[in-house]
Amino acid sequence: MRKIVLLLLSISLLGCAGLSKPASVAYQNRTTKPLESKNLDIQNTKMPSPHYIYSPEIRTSASIDLLNIEEDNQKVVVSSDKDNKQKKPKTDTINFSNIYQPNFDTSFLFQDNKKLKLNYNTLDNITETFNVPVTINDRVKKYIDRFTTTSRNTMQRWINNSFKYLFYVKDLFQSYGLPTDLSYLPLAESGFDPIVRSRAGAVGMWQFMESTGRLYGLKVNYWVDERKDFEKSTDAAARHLKDLYEKFNDWSLALAAYNAGAGRIQKAIDKFNTDDYFELSSYKHLAEETKDYVPKYTALMIIHKNLIQYGFEYPDIQPIIYEKVKLDYPVNLYILSKLTGVELSDIIELNPSLRRWITPPSDTFELKIPVGYKDKVLAVLNSYSPEELLQVRIFTPTRKTRVADIAKKFKISSDRIMAMNGFKKPVVRAGFPVIIPSEKGNIVIDTKKLETMTTISDKPEIDTISYKVKKGDTLAKIAKRYKTTTKAIQSFNRITTIKVGMNIEIPVKNSSKTASKSNLKQKTGKNTPTKQKYITYKVQKGDTIYKLANKYDTDPDLIIKLNNIKSLKQGQKIKIPKS
C-alpha cells in the first residue's frame, strides 16, 4: 500500500512540474498601416546605463533588508481594551517578543486551503523598534492573528506589492521630516495597489477622495487621475499627514483623521473632552473602521518589519525604477510602443494615472518608461510629427450606444476601443467623446478639440448634501427621499446605522442634488437658503486651503466653492465661511 501511495505521489509531482503559465498573446493589428521607419535605427540606438529613481546615496539602500534598516527608537505601550479609558503609562522600549506571540498550532494545518496555522521558533528574536508610538492591545492582536492565518495569502500579496514602492515612500517621507514607519500605511489603505478603488470612491495607493486629492493638487479629469500616480499621490499623502499632525499633535489621532476626516475626529474630541485615541475608540461616536484603523496599521507594520519571524517570504521583487520623458503634445501610446519596442503593458503599468492610451493634450506630461529606453523614445519623438504619433479620431454618440456598435461602424475591435478609452462597461452615454484608433494611416485631428475634453467627466459627477438625522428617519427613507441607495450612504459616511442628531453626507448626482434641494424647500416651507456669513482673508505665505479650513474650523470644500478657486496665491483676498 505504501509503495502505491509513493508511486502516485511521484506521478503527481512530475505532472505538476510540466505545467507552466501560457504566454500572453500581444494584440496584433493586421490592418494597421505601419509608419515608415525614416531610416531610424531603433535597434542600435544607444542604451544608457540605468537611471534610478533614487539619488546615488539611496541606490544602495534599495537592496538592504528591511530588518536591518535603522529606525529611531519609539516607546511601546502594552494595554488591553479594558485599559483604554486610562491614560497610557510611559515605558522604556521593550522587546516585542515579550509582549505577544500569535497562538499558532504546533503543526502545519490546512483548512479549506485558506486557513494556515504555523508554529515558529523565531518569534523570540523580534527586536524591531519603531519611530511612531506603538500601543499593543486586543485589537492589534486580532489583526496580527488575522493576517498571519486566515488572510495570510492576502498579506503575502501586499508584501510583494510593497517592495515596488516602499523604499521610494520611505525616502520621500524622510525628506518631509515624517516618521518613516508611516511608509507602511498603504498596507492598511490599499495593499500598496496604485489603481485600486474603494466603494466610497477613494482611489489609489493612498486612497484619496477626489475632493481631498484636489486640495493637495491631484488632478482628476478626462485624461488623468493623479490619485493613481504613486509619485504625486505619495507627495500629497506626506503633506496631508503633516497637516493632520500639526492639527492634532498626536500620530494616532492624525491617522484616525486620515481615515475618517479631521472634522469627525475633532467633534469626537470636543464631545468627550479627551484627545486620547484609544479612549475615543471606546465610545460609539466613531465608526468601527476608524476604531480599528490604527490597530490594523500597527499590526501590519509589525508583521512587515518582522517578515521572517512571522514566516513570510521576502519577495524577489526590485524597487520600481524608470526614466522620464516630457511630452508637450498628445502621443498615442500604442504607436509609441510599436515604434520603440517598449511593451505597451510596461508603459501602462508605469503610468497608471493615464485614463486613456493618449497622453494629455493640454498639459506637459512626464511619461515614465522602462530604464534603457529613453534614447529610443527621444529618437522617435524627434523623427515623427505629432500627427503621426497620434492617429486617432473622435466620435461622439448622440444617444446611448454600445461599444460593439461603435466598433462595427469603424471596423475595429471592441476590445481595442475599450482599452484605449479605459472603459469598464461596454456602453457609452450620449454626448461622451470616444477615441477611435485610426486603421488607415495618418489622421490629423484638431488638438484643441482634445483639449476641450479635459473638463469632461467619465461618470456623472457625484456631489453631497449635508443632512441632520431627525426622529423617525431610517437609512432607507433618507435614501428614497434623495434618490440614492442605503449602501451608498453607509459607504460614503462609513457607518452602519444612524441616530437622531447625527450629521451625514448624502451622495447624489448633480441633477438629483438640485431636485432634492427643491423638494426640501417645499417640505420645510423655505424658499430661500440661509445667507452664509463669512470673513474676508488675505492669503499669507505658506497658507493652504486645508490649513485655513482647520484654522477657521470650516470645510475646505466650502472655501473652494465660495471663492470658485482650486488653489491659493499669496496676497489673494478670499472669503472664509464662519463656523
Protein backbone atom coordinates (compact mmCIF):
# COMPACT_ATOMS: atom_id res chain seq x y z
CA MET A 1 0.00 0.00 0.00
CA ARG A 2 2.86 2.41 0.91
CA LYS A 3 4.51 1.74 -2.45
CA ILE A 4 1.30 2.57 -4.31
CA VAL A 5 0.89 5.86 -2.42
CA LEU A 6 4.55 6.83 -3.10
CA LEU A 7 4.16 5.93 -6.79
CA LEU A 8 1.01 8.06 -7.15
CA LEU A 9 2.69 10.97 -5.35
CA SER A 10 5.72 10.80 -7.68
CA ILE A 11 3.50 10.80 -10.78
CA SER A 12 1.57 13.79 -9.41
CA LEU A 13 4.75 15.80 -8.77
CA LEU A 14 6.18 15.01 -12.20
CA GLY A 15 2.91 16.07 -13.81
CA CYS A 16 2.87 19.37 -11.96
CA ALA A 17 6.45 20.11 -12.94
CA GLY A 18 5.46 20.15 -16.57
CA LEU A 19 2.76 22.75 -16.10
CA SER A 20 3.51 26.35 -16.96
CA LYS A 21 1.52 29.53 -17.37
CA PRO A 22 0.68 30.14 -21.05
CA ALA A 23 2.46 33.15 -22.52
CA SER A 24 0.25 36.18 -23.03
CA VAL A 25 -0.52 36.94 -26.67
CA ALA A 26 0.04 40.57 -27.62
CA TYR A 27 -2.66 42.26 -29.67
CA GLN A 28 -1.78 42.14 -33.36
CA ASN A 29 -3.46 44.62 -35.64
CA ARG A 30 -3.43 43.04 -39.07
CA THR A 31 -4.95 46.02 -40.88
CA THR A 32 -3.00 48.94 -39.41
CA LYS A 33 -0.79 50.67 -41.95
CA PRO A 34 2.74 50.77 -40.48
CA LEU A 35 4.65 54.05 -40.43
CA GLU A 36 7.82 54.31 -42.48
CA SER A 37 10.96 53.99 -40.40
CA LYS A 38 12.56 57.18 -41.83
CA ASN A 39 15.99 55.49 -41.63
CA LEU A 40 15.76 55.49 -37.85
CA ASP A 41 17.93 52.69 -36.44
CA ILE A 42 15.85 51.81 -33.40
CA GLN A 43 17.62 48.53 -32.74
CA ASN A 44 21.08 50.12 -32.46
CA THR A 45 20.09 53.21 -30.52
CA LYS A 46 22.44 53.71 -27.59
CA MET A 47 21.27 52.04 -24.38
CA PRO A 48 22.29 54.25 -21.42
CA SER A 49 23.17 52.91 -18.00
CA PRO A 50 20.15 52.59 -15.67
CA HIS A 51 18.95 55.85 -14.17
CA TYR A 52 17.36 55.04 -10.84
CA ILE A 53 14.54 56.95 -9.29
CA TYR A 54 16.65 57.29 -6.16
CA SER A 55 19.63 59.57 -5.54
CA PRO A 56 23.08 57.87 -5.57
CA GLU A 57 23.09 57.72 -1.78
CA ILE A 58 19.78 55.89 -1.76
CA ARG A 59 20.50 53.36 -4.52
CA THR A 60 22.44 51.09 -2.21
CA SER A 61 19.61 51.15 0.34
CA ALA A 62 17.28 49.52 -2.16
CA SER A 63 18.97 46.18 -1.59
CA ILE A 64 19.10 46.38 2.21
CA ASP A 65 16.87 44.01 4.13
CA LEU A 66 14.01 45.67 5.97
CA LEU A 67 15.12 44.01 9.19
CA ASN A 68 18.45 45.86 9.06
CA ILE A 69 17.08 49.37 8.45
CA GLU A 70 17.93 51.61 11.38
CA GLU A 71 14.92 53.31 12.95
CA ASP A 72 14.62 55.85 15.74
CA ASN A 73 13.53 54.13 18.94
CA GLN A 74 9.93 54.73 19.98
CA LYS A 75 8.20 53.81 23.16
CA VAL A 76 5.94 50.78 23.08
CA VAL A 77 2.86 50.71 25.27
CA VAL A 78 1.13 47.48 26.20
CA SER A 79 -2.55 47.58 27.06
CA SER A 80 -5.78 45.68 26.85
CA ASP A 81 -9.12 47.04 25.68
CA LYS A 82 -10.18 47.27 29.33
CA ASP A 83 -7.46 49.86 29.95
CA ASN A 84 -8.43 52.10 27.03
CA LYS A 85 -10.10 54.72 29.19
CA GLN A 86 -6.97 55.13 31.30
CA LYS A 87 -4.03 57.25 30.19
CA LYS A 88 -1.25 55.03 28.87
CA PRO A 89 1.86 54.79 31.12
CA LYS A 90 5.16 55.76 29.55
CA THR A 91 7.67 52.93 29.42
CA ASP A 92 11.10 52.28 28.03
CA THR A 93 11.48 50.46 24.72
CA ILE A 94 10.97 46.78 25.35
CA ASN A 95 11.49 43.56 23.50
CA PHE A 96 8.39 42.98 21.40
CA SER A 97 8.65 39.20 21.71
CA ASN A 98 7.88 39.56 25.42
CA ILE A 99 4.56 41.26 24.66
CA TYR A 100 2.70 38.99 22.31
CA GLN A 101 3.11 35.83 20.31
CA PRO A 102 0.46 34.55 17.87
CA ASN A 103 -1.38 31.46 19.02
CA PHE A 104 -0.11 29.05 16.35
CA ASP A 105 -0.69 25.31 16.38
CA THR A 106 2.30 23.02 16.81
CA SER A 107 1.99 21.65 13.29
CA PHE A 108 1.09 22.71 9.78
CA LEU A 109 -2.67 22.71 9.42
CA PHE A 110 -4.53 23.47 6.21
CA GLN A 111 -8.25 24.09 6.33
CA ASP A 112 -10.20 24.72 3.12
CA ASN A 113 -6.90 25.86 1.54
CA LYS A 114 -7.43 29.25 3.22
CA LYS A 115 -6.53 28.96 6.89
CA LEU A 116 -2.87 28.29 7.61
CA LYS A 117 -1.63 27.96 11.19
CA LEU A 118 2.07 27.54 11.88
CA ASN A 119 4.45 27.11 14.77
CA TYR A 120 7.53 29.35 14.61
CA ASN A 121 10.57 29.16 16.86
CA THR A 122 11.98 32.52 15.69
CA LEU A 123 9.50 34.85 17.42
CA ASP A 124 11.86 35.33 20.37
CA ASN A 125 14.25 37.12 18.02
CA ILE A 126 11.87 40.02 17.31
CA THR A 127 13.65 43.17 18.48
CA GLU A 128 12.46 45.74 15.92
CA THR A 129 11.91 49.28 17.14
CA PHE A 130 9.53 51.90 15.79
CA ASN A 131 9.60 55.63 15.15
CA VAL A 132 5.88 56.12 15.73
CA PRO A 133 4.11 55.44 19.05
CA VAL A 134 3.01 51.80 19.22
CA THR A 135 0.29 50.54 21.55
CA ILE A 136 -0.37 46.80 21.69
CA ASN A 137 -3.94 45.91 22.64
CA ASP A 138 -6.53 43.25 21.85
CA ARG A 139 -7.46 44.90 18.53
CA VAL A 140 -3.82 44.81 17.38
CA LYS A 141 -3.53 41.15 18.41
CA LYS A 142 -6.70 40.38 16.47
CA TYR A 143 -5.21 41.78 13.26
CA ILE A 144 -1.85 40.09 13.77
CA ASP A 145 -3.70 36.78 14.10
CA ARG A 146 -5.86 37.51 11.06
CA PHE A 147 -3.00 38.45 8.71
CA THR A 148 -0.81 35.55 9.80
CA THR A 149 -3.57 32.92 9.49
CA THR A 150 -6.83 33.35 7.57
CA SER A 151 -5.60 36.34 5.49
CA ARG A 152 -2.06 35.08 5.12
CA ASN A 153 -2.15 34.88 1.32
CA THR A 154 -3.51 38.42 1.13
CA MET A 155 -0.70 39.63 3.39
CA GLN A 156 1.95 37.97 1.22
CA ARG A 157 0.46 39.62 -1.87
CA TRP A 158 0.55 43.03 -0.16
CA ILE A 159 4.17 42.39 0.87
CA ASN A 160 5.02 41.62 -2.76
CA ASN A 161 3.32 44.84 -3.90
CA SER A 162 5.06 46.91 -1.24
CA PHE A 163 8.58 46.09 -2.37
CA LYS A 164 8.00 48.04 -5.60
CA TYR A 165 7.24 51.29 -3.79
CA LEU A 166 8.23 51.09 -0.10
CA PHE A 167 11.75 52.48 -0.42
CA TYR A 168 10.55 55.42 -2.50
CA VAL A 169 7.89 56.22 0.11
CA LYS A 170 10.46 55.99 2.92
CA ASP A 171 12.84 58.33 1.11
CA LEU A 172 10.13 60.90 0.42
CA PHE A 173 8.71 60.81 3.95
CA GLN A 174 12.20 61.25 5.35
CA SER A 175 12.66 64.34 3.17
CA TYR A 176 9.47 65.78 4.72
CA GLY A 177 10.71 65.05 8.22
CA LEU A 178 7.99 62.43 8.77
CA PRO A 179 8.48 59.13 10.68
CA THR A 180 9.48 56.54 8.10
CA ASP A 181 7.23 53.94 9.77
CA LEU A 182 4.29 55.83 8.25
CA SER A 183 5.51 54.32 4.97
CA TYR A 184 3.63 51.14 5.93
CA LEU A 185 0.27 52.95 5.95
CA PRO A 186 -0.60 51.90 2.35
CA LEU A 187 -0.79 48.31 3.63
CA ALA A 188 -3.91 49.33 5.57
CA GLU A 189 -5.20 51.60 2.81
CA SER A 190 -4.74 49.66 -0.40
CA GLY A 191 -2.22 46.85 0.00
CA PHE A 192 0.17 49.10 -1.99
CA ASP A 193 -2.07 48.88 -5.07
CA PRO A 194 -1.84 52.17 -7.05
CA ILE A 195 -5.03 51.62 -9.06
CA VAL A 196 -7.49 50.21 -6.51
CA ARG A 197 -10.82 51.99 -5.99
CA SER A 198 -12.99 51.68 -2.88
CA ARG A 199 -16.78 51.52 -2.79
CA ALA A 200 -16.79 55.06 -1.37
CA GLY A 201 -14.84 56.36 -4.38
CA ALA A 202 -11.39 56.63 -2.77
CA VAL A 203 -8.67 55.85 -5.31
CA GLY A 204 -5.03 54.81 -5.42
CA MET A 205 -2.32 53.62 -3.09
CA TRP A 206 -3.22 56.34 -0.57
CA GLN A 207 -7.00 56.14 -1.12
CA PHE A 208 -7.69 59.82 -1.75
CA MET A 209 -11.24 61.01 -2.23
CA GLU A 210 -11.44 63.39 -5.20
CA SER A 211 -12.12 66.45 -3.02
CA THR A 212 -9.18 65.77 -0.68
CA GLY A 213 -6.88 64.99 -3.60
CA ARG A 214 -7.85 68.27 -5.24
CA LEU A 215 -6.84 70.15 -2.06
CA TYR A 216 -3.35 68.71 -2.45
CA GLY A 217 -3.03 69.37 -6.16
CA LEU A 218 -4.03 65.98 -7.60
CA LYS A 219 -5.82 66.35 -10.95
CA VAL A 220 -8.79 64.19 -11.90
CA ASN A 221 -10.17 64.74 -15.40
CA TYR A 222 -10.89 63.00 -18.71
CA TRP A 223 -7.20 62.28 -19.32
CA VAL A 224 -5.63 61.62 -15.92
CA ASP A 225 -6.39 60.57 -12.37
CA GLU A 226 -3.30 61.61 -10.44
CA ARG A 227 -4.51 59.76 -7.35
CA LYS A 228 -3.15 56.71 -9.20
CA ASP A 229 0.26 58.33 -9.76
CA PHE A 230 2.29 56.83 -6.92
CA GLU A 231 4.83 59.69 -7.02
CA LYS A 232 2.32 62.54 -6.88
CA SER A 233 -0.12 60.79 -4.54
CA THR A 234 2.69 59.89 -2.11
CA ASP A 235 3.81 63.51 -2.06
CA ALA A 236 0.20 64.59 -1.43
CA ALA A 237 -0.16 61.99 1.34
CA ALA A 238 3.02 63.25 3.03
CA ARG A 239 1.71 66.83 3.05
CA HIS A 240 -1.73 65.69 4.22
CA LEU A 241 -0.29 63.65 7.11
CA LYS A 242 1.95 66.55 8.08
CA ASP A 243 -1.06 68.90 8.16
CA LEU A 244 -3.04 66.44 10.28
CA TYR A 245 -0.19 66.06 12.76
CA GLU A 246 0.15 69.85 13.02
CA LYS A 247 -3.55 69.99 13.88
CA PHE A 248 -3.73 67.14 16.44
CA ASN A 249 -0.09 66.85 17.60
CA ASP A 250 -0.63 63.09 18.00
CA TRP A 251 0.03 60.42 15.40
CA SER A 252 -2.83 58.13 16.47
CA LEU A 253 -5.32 61.00 16.10
CA ALA A 254 -3.71 62.11 12.84
CA LEU A 255 -4.05 58.60 11.40
CA ALA A 256 -7.65 58.34 12.58
CA ALA A 257 -8.32 61.69 10.88
CA TYR A 258 -6.70 60.38 7.70
CA ASN A 259 -9.30 57.63 7.75
CA ALA A 260 -12.43 59.44 8.98
CA GLY A 261 -11.69 63.11 8.30
CA ALA A 262 -10.31 65.79 10.60
CA GLY A 263 -13.76 67.24 11.29
CA ARG A 264 -15.17 63.99 12.63
CA ILE A 265 -12.19 63.40 14.93
CA GLN A 266 -12.30 66.97 16.23
CA LYS A 267 -16.02 66.61 17.01
CA ALA A 268 -15.29 63.42 18.96
CA ILE A 269 -12.55 65.19 20.93
CA ASP A 270 -14.87 68.10 21.74
CA LYS A 271 -17.78 65.84 22.66
CA PHE A 272 -15.91 63.53 25.04
CA ASN A 273 -13.31 66.05 26.22
CA THR A 274 -10.34 63.77 25.58
CA ASP A 275 -7.59 63.65 22.99
CA ASP A 276 -6.72 60.01 23.66
CA TYR A 277 -7.46 58.00 20.51
CA PHE A 278 -7.94 54.73 22.41
CA GLU A 279 -10.34 56.32 24.86
CA LEU A 280 -12.31 57.85 21.96
CA SER A 281 -12.41 54.37 20.41
CA SER A 282 -14.27 53.06 23.45
CA TYR A 283 -17.27 55.28 22.65
CA LYS A 284 -19.87 54.76 19.93
CA HIS A 285 -19.20 58.07 18.17
CA LEU A 286 -16.51 56.74 15.82
CA ALA A 287 -17.18 54.15 13.13
CA GLU A 288 -15.80 50.66 13.73
CA GLU A 289 -13.47 51.11 10.76
CA THR A 290 -11.90 54.17 12.41
CA LYS A 291 -11.63 52.40 15.77
CA ASP A 292 -9.79 49.56 14.04
CA TYR A 293 -7.71 51.75 11.72
CA VAL A 294 -4.70 52.44 13.97
CA PRO A 295 -4.62 48.86 15.39
CA LYS A 296 -4.80 47.44 11.86
CA TYR A 297 -1.98 49.69 10.67
CA THR A 298 0.08 48.80 13.76
CA ALA A 299 -0.38 45.06 13.20
CA LEU A 300 0.52 45.28 9.51
CA MET A 301 3.61 47.35 10.28
CA ILE A 302 4.78 44.89 12.96
CA ILE A 303 4.37 41.94 10.59
CA HIS A 304 6.12 43.69 7.70
CA LYS A 305 9.08 44.72 9.86
CA ASN A 306 9.44 41.10 11.05
CA LEU A 307 8.70 39.05 7.93
CA ILE A 308 11.00 36.14 8.67
CA GLN A 309 9.81 35.82 12.27
CA TYR A 310 6.21 35.56 11.04
CA GLY A 311 7.14 33.07 8.33
CA PHE A 312 6.62 35.31 5.30
CA GLU A 313 8.85 35.26 2.24
CA TYR A 314 10.98 38.16 1.11
CA PRO A 315 9.77 38.63 -2.48
CA ASP A 316 12.27 38.60 -5.32
CA ILE A 317 10.98 41.99 -6.46
CA GLN A 318 13.16 45.04 -7.02
CA PRO A 319 12.06 48.61 -6.25
CA ILE A 320 10.38 50.12 -9.30
CA ILE A 321 12.82 52.11 -11.44
CA TYR A 322 12.26 54.07 -14.62
CA GLU A 323 13.23 57.07 -16.72
CA LYS A 324 11.07 60.04 -17.67
CA VAL A 325 10.37 61.82 -20.94
CA LYS A 326 8.48 65.13 -21.04
CA LEU A 327 5.70 65.33 -23.63
CA ASP A 328 4.22 68.69 -24.65
CA TYR A 329 1.67 67.24 -27.06
CA PRO A 330 -0.63 64.19 -27.11
CA VAL A 331 1.01 60.89 -28.07
CA ASN A 332 -0.71 57.59 -28.83
CA LEU A 333 0.95 55.05 -26.52
CA TYR A 334 0.07 52.19 -28.86
CA ILE A 335 2.02 53.80 -31.71
CA LEU A 336 4.89 54.78 -29.40
CA SER A 337 5.11 51.18 -28.22
CA LYS A 338 5.27 49.83 -31.78
CA LEU A 339 7.96 52.31 -32.86
CA THR A 340 10.22 51.96 -29.82
CA GLY A 341 9.81 48.31 -28.90
CA VAL A 342 8.68 49.18 -25.37
CA GLU A 343 5.93 46.83 -24.24
CA LEU A 344 2.62 48.69 -24.06
CA SER A 345 1.80 46.85 -20.83
CA ASP A 346 5.02 48.23 -19.27
CA ILE A 347 4.11 51.81 -20.23
CA ILE A 348 0.61 51.40 -18.81
CA GLU A 349 1.91 49.85 -15.57
CA LEU A 350 4.40 52.69 -15.06
CA ASN A 351 1.78 55.36 -15.81
CA PRO A 352 -1.41 54.23 -14.03
CA SER A 353 -2.65 57.83 -13.79
CA LEU A 354 -3.36 57.84 -17.54
CA ARG A 355 -7.03 57.06 -18.15
CA ARG A 356 -6.56 56.60 -21.87
CA TRP A 357 -3.86 55.38 -24.22
CA ILE A 358 -3.13 59.01 -25.11
CA THR A 359 -1.14 61.49 -23.05
CA PRO A 360 -2.93 64.75 -22.06
CA PRO A 361 -3.09 67.36 -24.84
CA SER A 362 -3.32 70.46 -22.64
CA ASP A 363 -0.57 69.82 -20.05
CA THR A 364 3.05 68.77 -20.11
CA PHE A 365 3.10 65.12 -19.12
CA GLU A 366 6.11 63.24 -17.75
CA LEU A 367 5.87 59.78 -19.27
CA LYS A 368 7.60 57.06 -17.27
CA ILE A 369 9.36 54.45 -19.39
CA PRO A 370 11.45 51.37 -18.55
CA VAL A 371 15.13 52.01 -17.85
CA GLY A 372 17.26 51.95 -21.00
CA TYR A 373 14.63 53.17 -23.48
CA LYS A 374 14.89 56.94 -23.06
CA ASP A 375 17.17 57.49 -26.08
CA LYS A 376 14.94 55.32 -28.25
CA VAL A 377 11.82 57.25 -27.25
CA LEU A 378 13.54 60.62 -27.80
CA ALA A 379 14.74 59.44 -31.22
CA VAL A 380 11.17 58.55 -32.23
CA LEU A 381 9.77 61.84 -30.90
CA ASN A 382 12.36 63.77 -32.92
CA SER A 383 11.75 61.78 -36.11
CA TYR A 384 7.95 61.74 -36.33
CA SER A 385 5.45 64.57 -36.38
CA PRO A 386 2.85 64.95 -33.59
CA GLU A 387 0.17 63.97 -36.12
CA GLU A 388 1.97 60.73 -36.97
CA LEU A 389 2.27 59.90 -33.27
CA LEU A 390 -1.44 60.47 -32.61
CA GLN A 391 -3.53 58.87 -35.39
CA VAL A 392 -6.96 58.91 -33.76
CA ARG A 393 -10.37 60.35 -34.45
CA ILE A 394 -13.10 61.41 -32.03
CA PHE A 395 -16.63 60.03 -32.19
CA THR A 396 -19.39 61.50 -30.00
CA PRO A 397 -22.60 59.42 -29.93
CA THR A 398 -25.88 61.36 -29.89
CA ARG A 399 -27.58 58.65 -27.83
CA LYS A 400 -26.64 55.83 -25.51
CA THR A 401 -24.60 53.45 -27.68
CA ARG A 402 -22.96 50.07 -27.30
CA VAL A 403 -19.21 49.88 -27.85
CA ALA A 404 -19.82 46.92 -30.15
CA ASP A 405 -21.92 49.14 -32.45
CA ILE A 406 -19.21 51.82 -32.50
CA ALA A 407 -16.60 49.16 -33.29
CA LYS A 408 -18.74 47.85 -36.14
CA LYS A 409 -19.19 51.37 -37.52
CA PHE A 410 -15.43 52.00 -37.67
CA LYS A 411 -14.45 48.39 -38.44
CA ILE A 412 -12.21 47.98 -35.43
CA SER A 413 -12.19 45.61 -32.46
CA SER A 414 -14.38 46.41 -29.45
CA ASP A 415 -11.59 45.35 -27.10
CA ARG A 416 -9.22 47.93 -28.53
CA ILE A 417 -11.77 50.74 -28.17
CA MET A 418 -12.49 49.63 -24.60
CA ALA A 419 -8.77 49.53 -23.75
CA MET A 420 -7.82 52.80 -25.44
CA ASN A 421 -10.64 54.66 -23.66
CA GLY A 422 -10.30 52.91 -20.31
CA PHE A 423 -13.93 51.83 -20.42
CA LYS A 424 -15.19 49.43 -17.75
CA LYS A 425 -18.66 48.99 -19.26
CA PRO A 426 -19.47 48.23 -22.91
CA VAL A 427 -21.96 51.12 -23.18
CA VAL A 428 -21.27 54.82 -23.83
CA ARG A 429 -23.65 57.54 -22.71
CA ALA A 430 -24.90 60.22 -25.12
CA GLY A 431 -22.52 63.13 -25.63
CA PHE A 432 -19.47 61.33 -24.26
CA PRO A 433 -16.49 61.51 -26.69
CA VAL A 434 -14.92 58.21 -27.71
CA ILE A 435 -11.35 57.94 -29.03
CA ILE A 436 -11.19 55.77 -32.15
CA PRO A 437 -7.77 54.44 -33.24
CA SER A 438 -7.03 55.04 -36.92
CA GLU A 439 -6.82 51.96 -39.11
CA LYS A 440 -5.89 53.76 -42.34
CA GLY A 441 -2.64 55.59 -41.68
CA ASN A 442 -2.32 59.15 -40.50
CA ILE A 443 -5.39 61.13 -39.45
CA VAL A 444 -4.85 64.72 -38.45
CA ILE A 445 -7.27 65.99 -35.82
CA ASP A 446 -7.59 69.37 -34.16
CA THR A 447 -5.75 69.13 -30.83
CA LYS A 448 -7.91 71.97 -29.49
CA LYS A 449 -10.83 69.54 -29.67
CA LEU A 450 -8.85 67.15 -27.49
CA GLU A 451 -8.08 69.93 -25.01
CA THR A 452 -11.78 70.71 -24.53
CA MET A 453 -12.31 67.11 -23.46
CA THR A 454 -10.22 67.68 -20.31
CA THR A 455 -13.24 69.01 -18.41
CA ILE A 456 -15.45 66.06 -19.36
CA SER A 457 -16.01 63.52 -16.60
CA ASP A 458 -16.07 59.78 -17.19
CA LYS A 459 -19.10 59.42 -14.97
CA PRO A 460 -21.96 61.64 -13.80
CA GLU A 461 -20.50 63.94 -11.16
CA ILE A 462 -21.26 62.91 -7.59
CA ASP A 463 -21.94 65.61 -5.04
CA THR A 464 -23.22 65.54 -1.48
CA ILE A 465 -25.94 67.08 0.64
CA SER A 466 -25.41 67.65 4.35
CA TYR A 467 -28.27 66.23 6.39
CA LYS A 468 -29.07 66.08 10.11
CA VAL A 469 -30.90 62.90 11.11
CA LYS A 470 -34.36 63.54 12.58
CA LYS A 471 -36.67 61.44 14.71
CA GLY A 472 -38.33 58.72 12.63
CA ASP A 473 -35.61 58.73 9.95
CA THR A 474 -34.20 55.48 8.64
CA LEU A 475 -31.45 54.96 6.09
CA ALA A 476 -33.98 53.52 3.67
CA LYS A 477 -36.28 56.56 3.99
CA ILE A 478 -33.42 59.02 3.52
CA ALA A 479 -32.07 57.07 0.53
CA LYS A 480 -35.50 57.04 -1.11
CA ARG A 481 -36.02 60.77 -0.48
CA TYR A 482 -32.73 61.68 -2.15
CA LYS A 483 -32.89 59.05 -4.90
CA THR A 484 -29.82 57.14 -3.78
CA THR A 485 -29.19 53.83 -2.01
CA THR A 486 -28.75 52.79 1.60
CA LYS A 487 -25.36 51.23 0.77
CA ALA A 488 -24.17 54.46 -0.88
CA ILE A 489 -24.95 56.48 2.27
CA GLN A 490 -23.36 53.85 4.54
CA SER A 491 -20.24 53.56 2.40
CA PHE A 492 -19.75 57.32 1.96
CA ASN A 493 -20.13 58.04 5.69
CA ARG A 494 -18.51 54.78 6.84
CA ILE A 495 -21.43 53.97 9.10
CA THR A 496 -23.82 51.05 9.56
CA THR A 497 -26.64 52.78 11.45
CA ILE A 498 -27.87 56.30 12.18
CA LYS A 499 -29.21 58.06 15.25
CA VAL A 500 -31.14 61.28 15.86
CA GLY A 501 -28.94 64.37 15.65
CA MET A 502 -26.22 62.72 13.59
CA ASN A 503 -24.85 64.77 10.67
CA ILE A 504 -24.33 62.75 7.50
CA GLU A 505 -23.42 63.43 3.88
CA ILE A 506 -25.78 62.09 1.22
CA PRO A 507 -24.08 61.29 -2.13
CA VAL A 508 -26.23 62.42 -5.05
CA LYS A 509 -25.81 63.28 -8.70
CA ASN A 510 -25.76 66.98 -9.55
CA SER A 511 -29.20 66.83 -11.12
CA SER A 512 -30.53 64.94 -8.09
CA LYS A 513 -28.98 67.50 -5.77
CA THR A 514 -30.88 70.33 -7.42
CA ALA A 515 -34.12 68.38 -7.33
CA SER A 516 -33.57 67.28 -3.74
CA LYS A 517 -32.93 70.83 -2.59
CA SER A 518 -36.11 71.91 -4.35
CA ASN A 519 -38.09 69.14 -2.63
CA LEU A 520 -36.55 70.04 0.71
CA LYS A 521 -37.59 73.68 0.33
CA GLN A 522 -41.16 72.62 -0.42
CA LYS A 523 -41.30 70.31 2.60
CA THR A 524 -39.77 72.81 5.01
CA GLY A 525 -41.53 75.85 3.57
CA LYS A 526 -38.19 77.62 2.98
CA ASN A 527 -37.94 79.35 -0.39
CA THR A 528 -34.52 80.95 0.11
CA PRO A 529 -31.42 79.49 1.68
CA THR A 530 -29.98 80.97 4.84
CA LYS A 531 -27.35 83.58 3.98
CA GLN A 532 -23.86 82.28 4.70
CA LYS A 533 -21.76 84.55 6.95
CA TYR A 534 -18.10 84.81 6.07
CA ILE A 535 -14.92 86.76 6.77
CA THR A 536 -12.51 88.29 4.25
CA TYR A 537 -8.96 86.98 4.48
CA LYS A 538 -5.73 87.96 2.72
CA VAL A 539 -3.66 84.91 1.81
CA GLN A 540 -0.26 84.78 3.51
CA LYS A 541 2.91 82.94 2.52
CA GLY A 542 2.63 79.24 3.37
CA ASP A 543 -1.19 79.23 3.51
CA THR A 544 -3.10 76.31 2.03
CA ILE A 545 -6.83 75.79 1.73
CA TYR A 546 -6.62 72.88 4.15
CA LYS A 547 -4.67 74.86 6.77
CA LEU A 548 -7.13 77.78 6.58
CA ALA A 549 -10.06 75.37 6.88
CA ASN A 550 -8.51 73.93 10.05
CA LYS A 551 -7.70 77.37 11.43
CA TYR A 552 -11.24 78.70 10.96
CA ASP A 553 -12.96 75.36 11.71
CA THR A 554 -14.74 75.06 8.38
CA ASP A 555 -14.94 72.68 5.43
CA PRO A 556 -12.21 73.05 2.75
CA ASP A 557 -14.82 72.42 0.03
CA LEU A 558 -16.83 75.43 1.25
CA ILE A 559 -13.80 77.69 0.76
CA ILE A 560 -13.29 76.27 -2.73
CA LYS A 561 -16.94 76.68 -3.75
CA LEU A 562 -17.40 80.10 -2.15
CA ASN A 563 -14.37 81.54 -3.96
CA ASN A 564 -14.50 79.38 -7.11
CA ILE A 565 -10.82 78.51 -6.75
CA LYS A 566 -8.62 75.42 -6.82
CA SER A 567 -5.51 76.86 -5.15
CA LEU A 568 -4.27 79.96 -3.31
CA LYS A 569 -1.89 82.77 -4.29
CA GLN A 570 -0.07 84.98 -1.83
CA GLY A 571 -1.84 88.34 -1.46
CA GLN A 572 -5.14 86.99 -2.80
CA LYS A 573 -8.29 88.00 -0.90
CA ILE A 574 -10.75 85.20 -0.25
CA LYS A 575 -13.94 84.61 1.71
CA ILE A 576 -13.92 82.08 4.54
CA PRO A 577 -17.26 80.81 5.94
CA LYS A 578 -17.74 81.34 9.65
CA SER A 579 -18.17 78.09 11.58
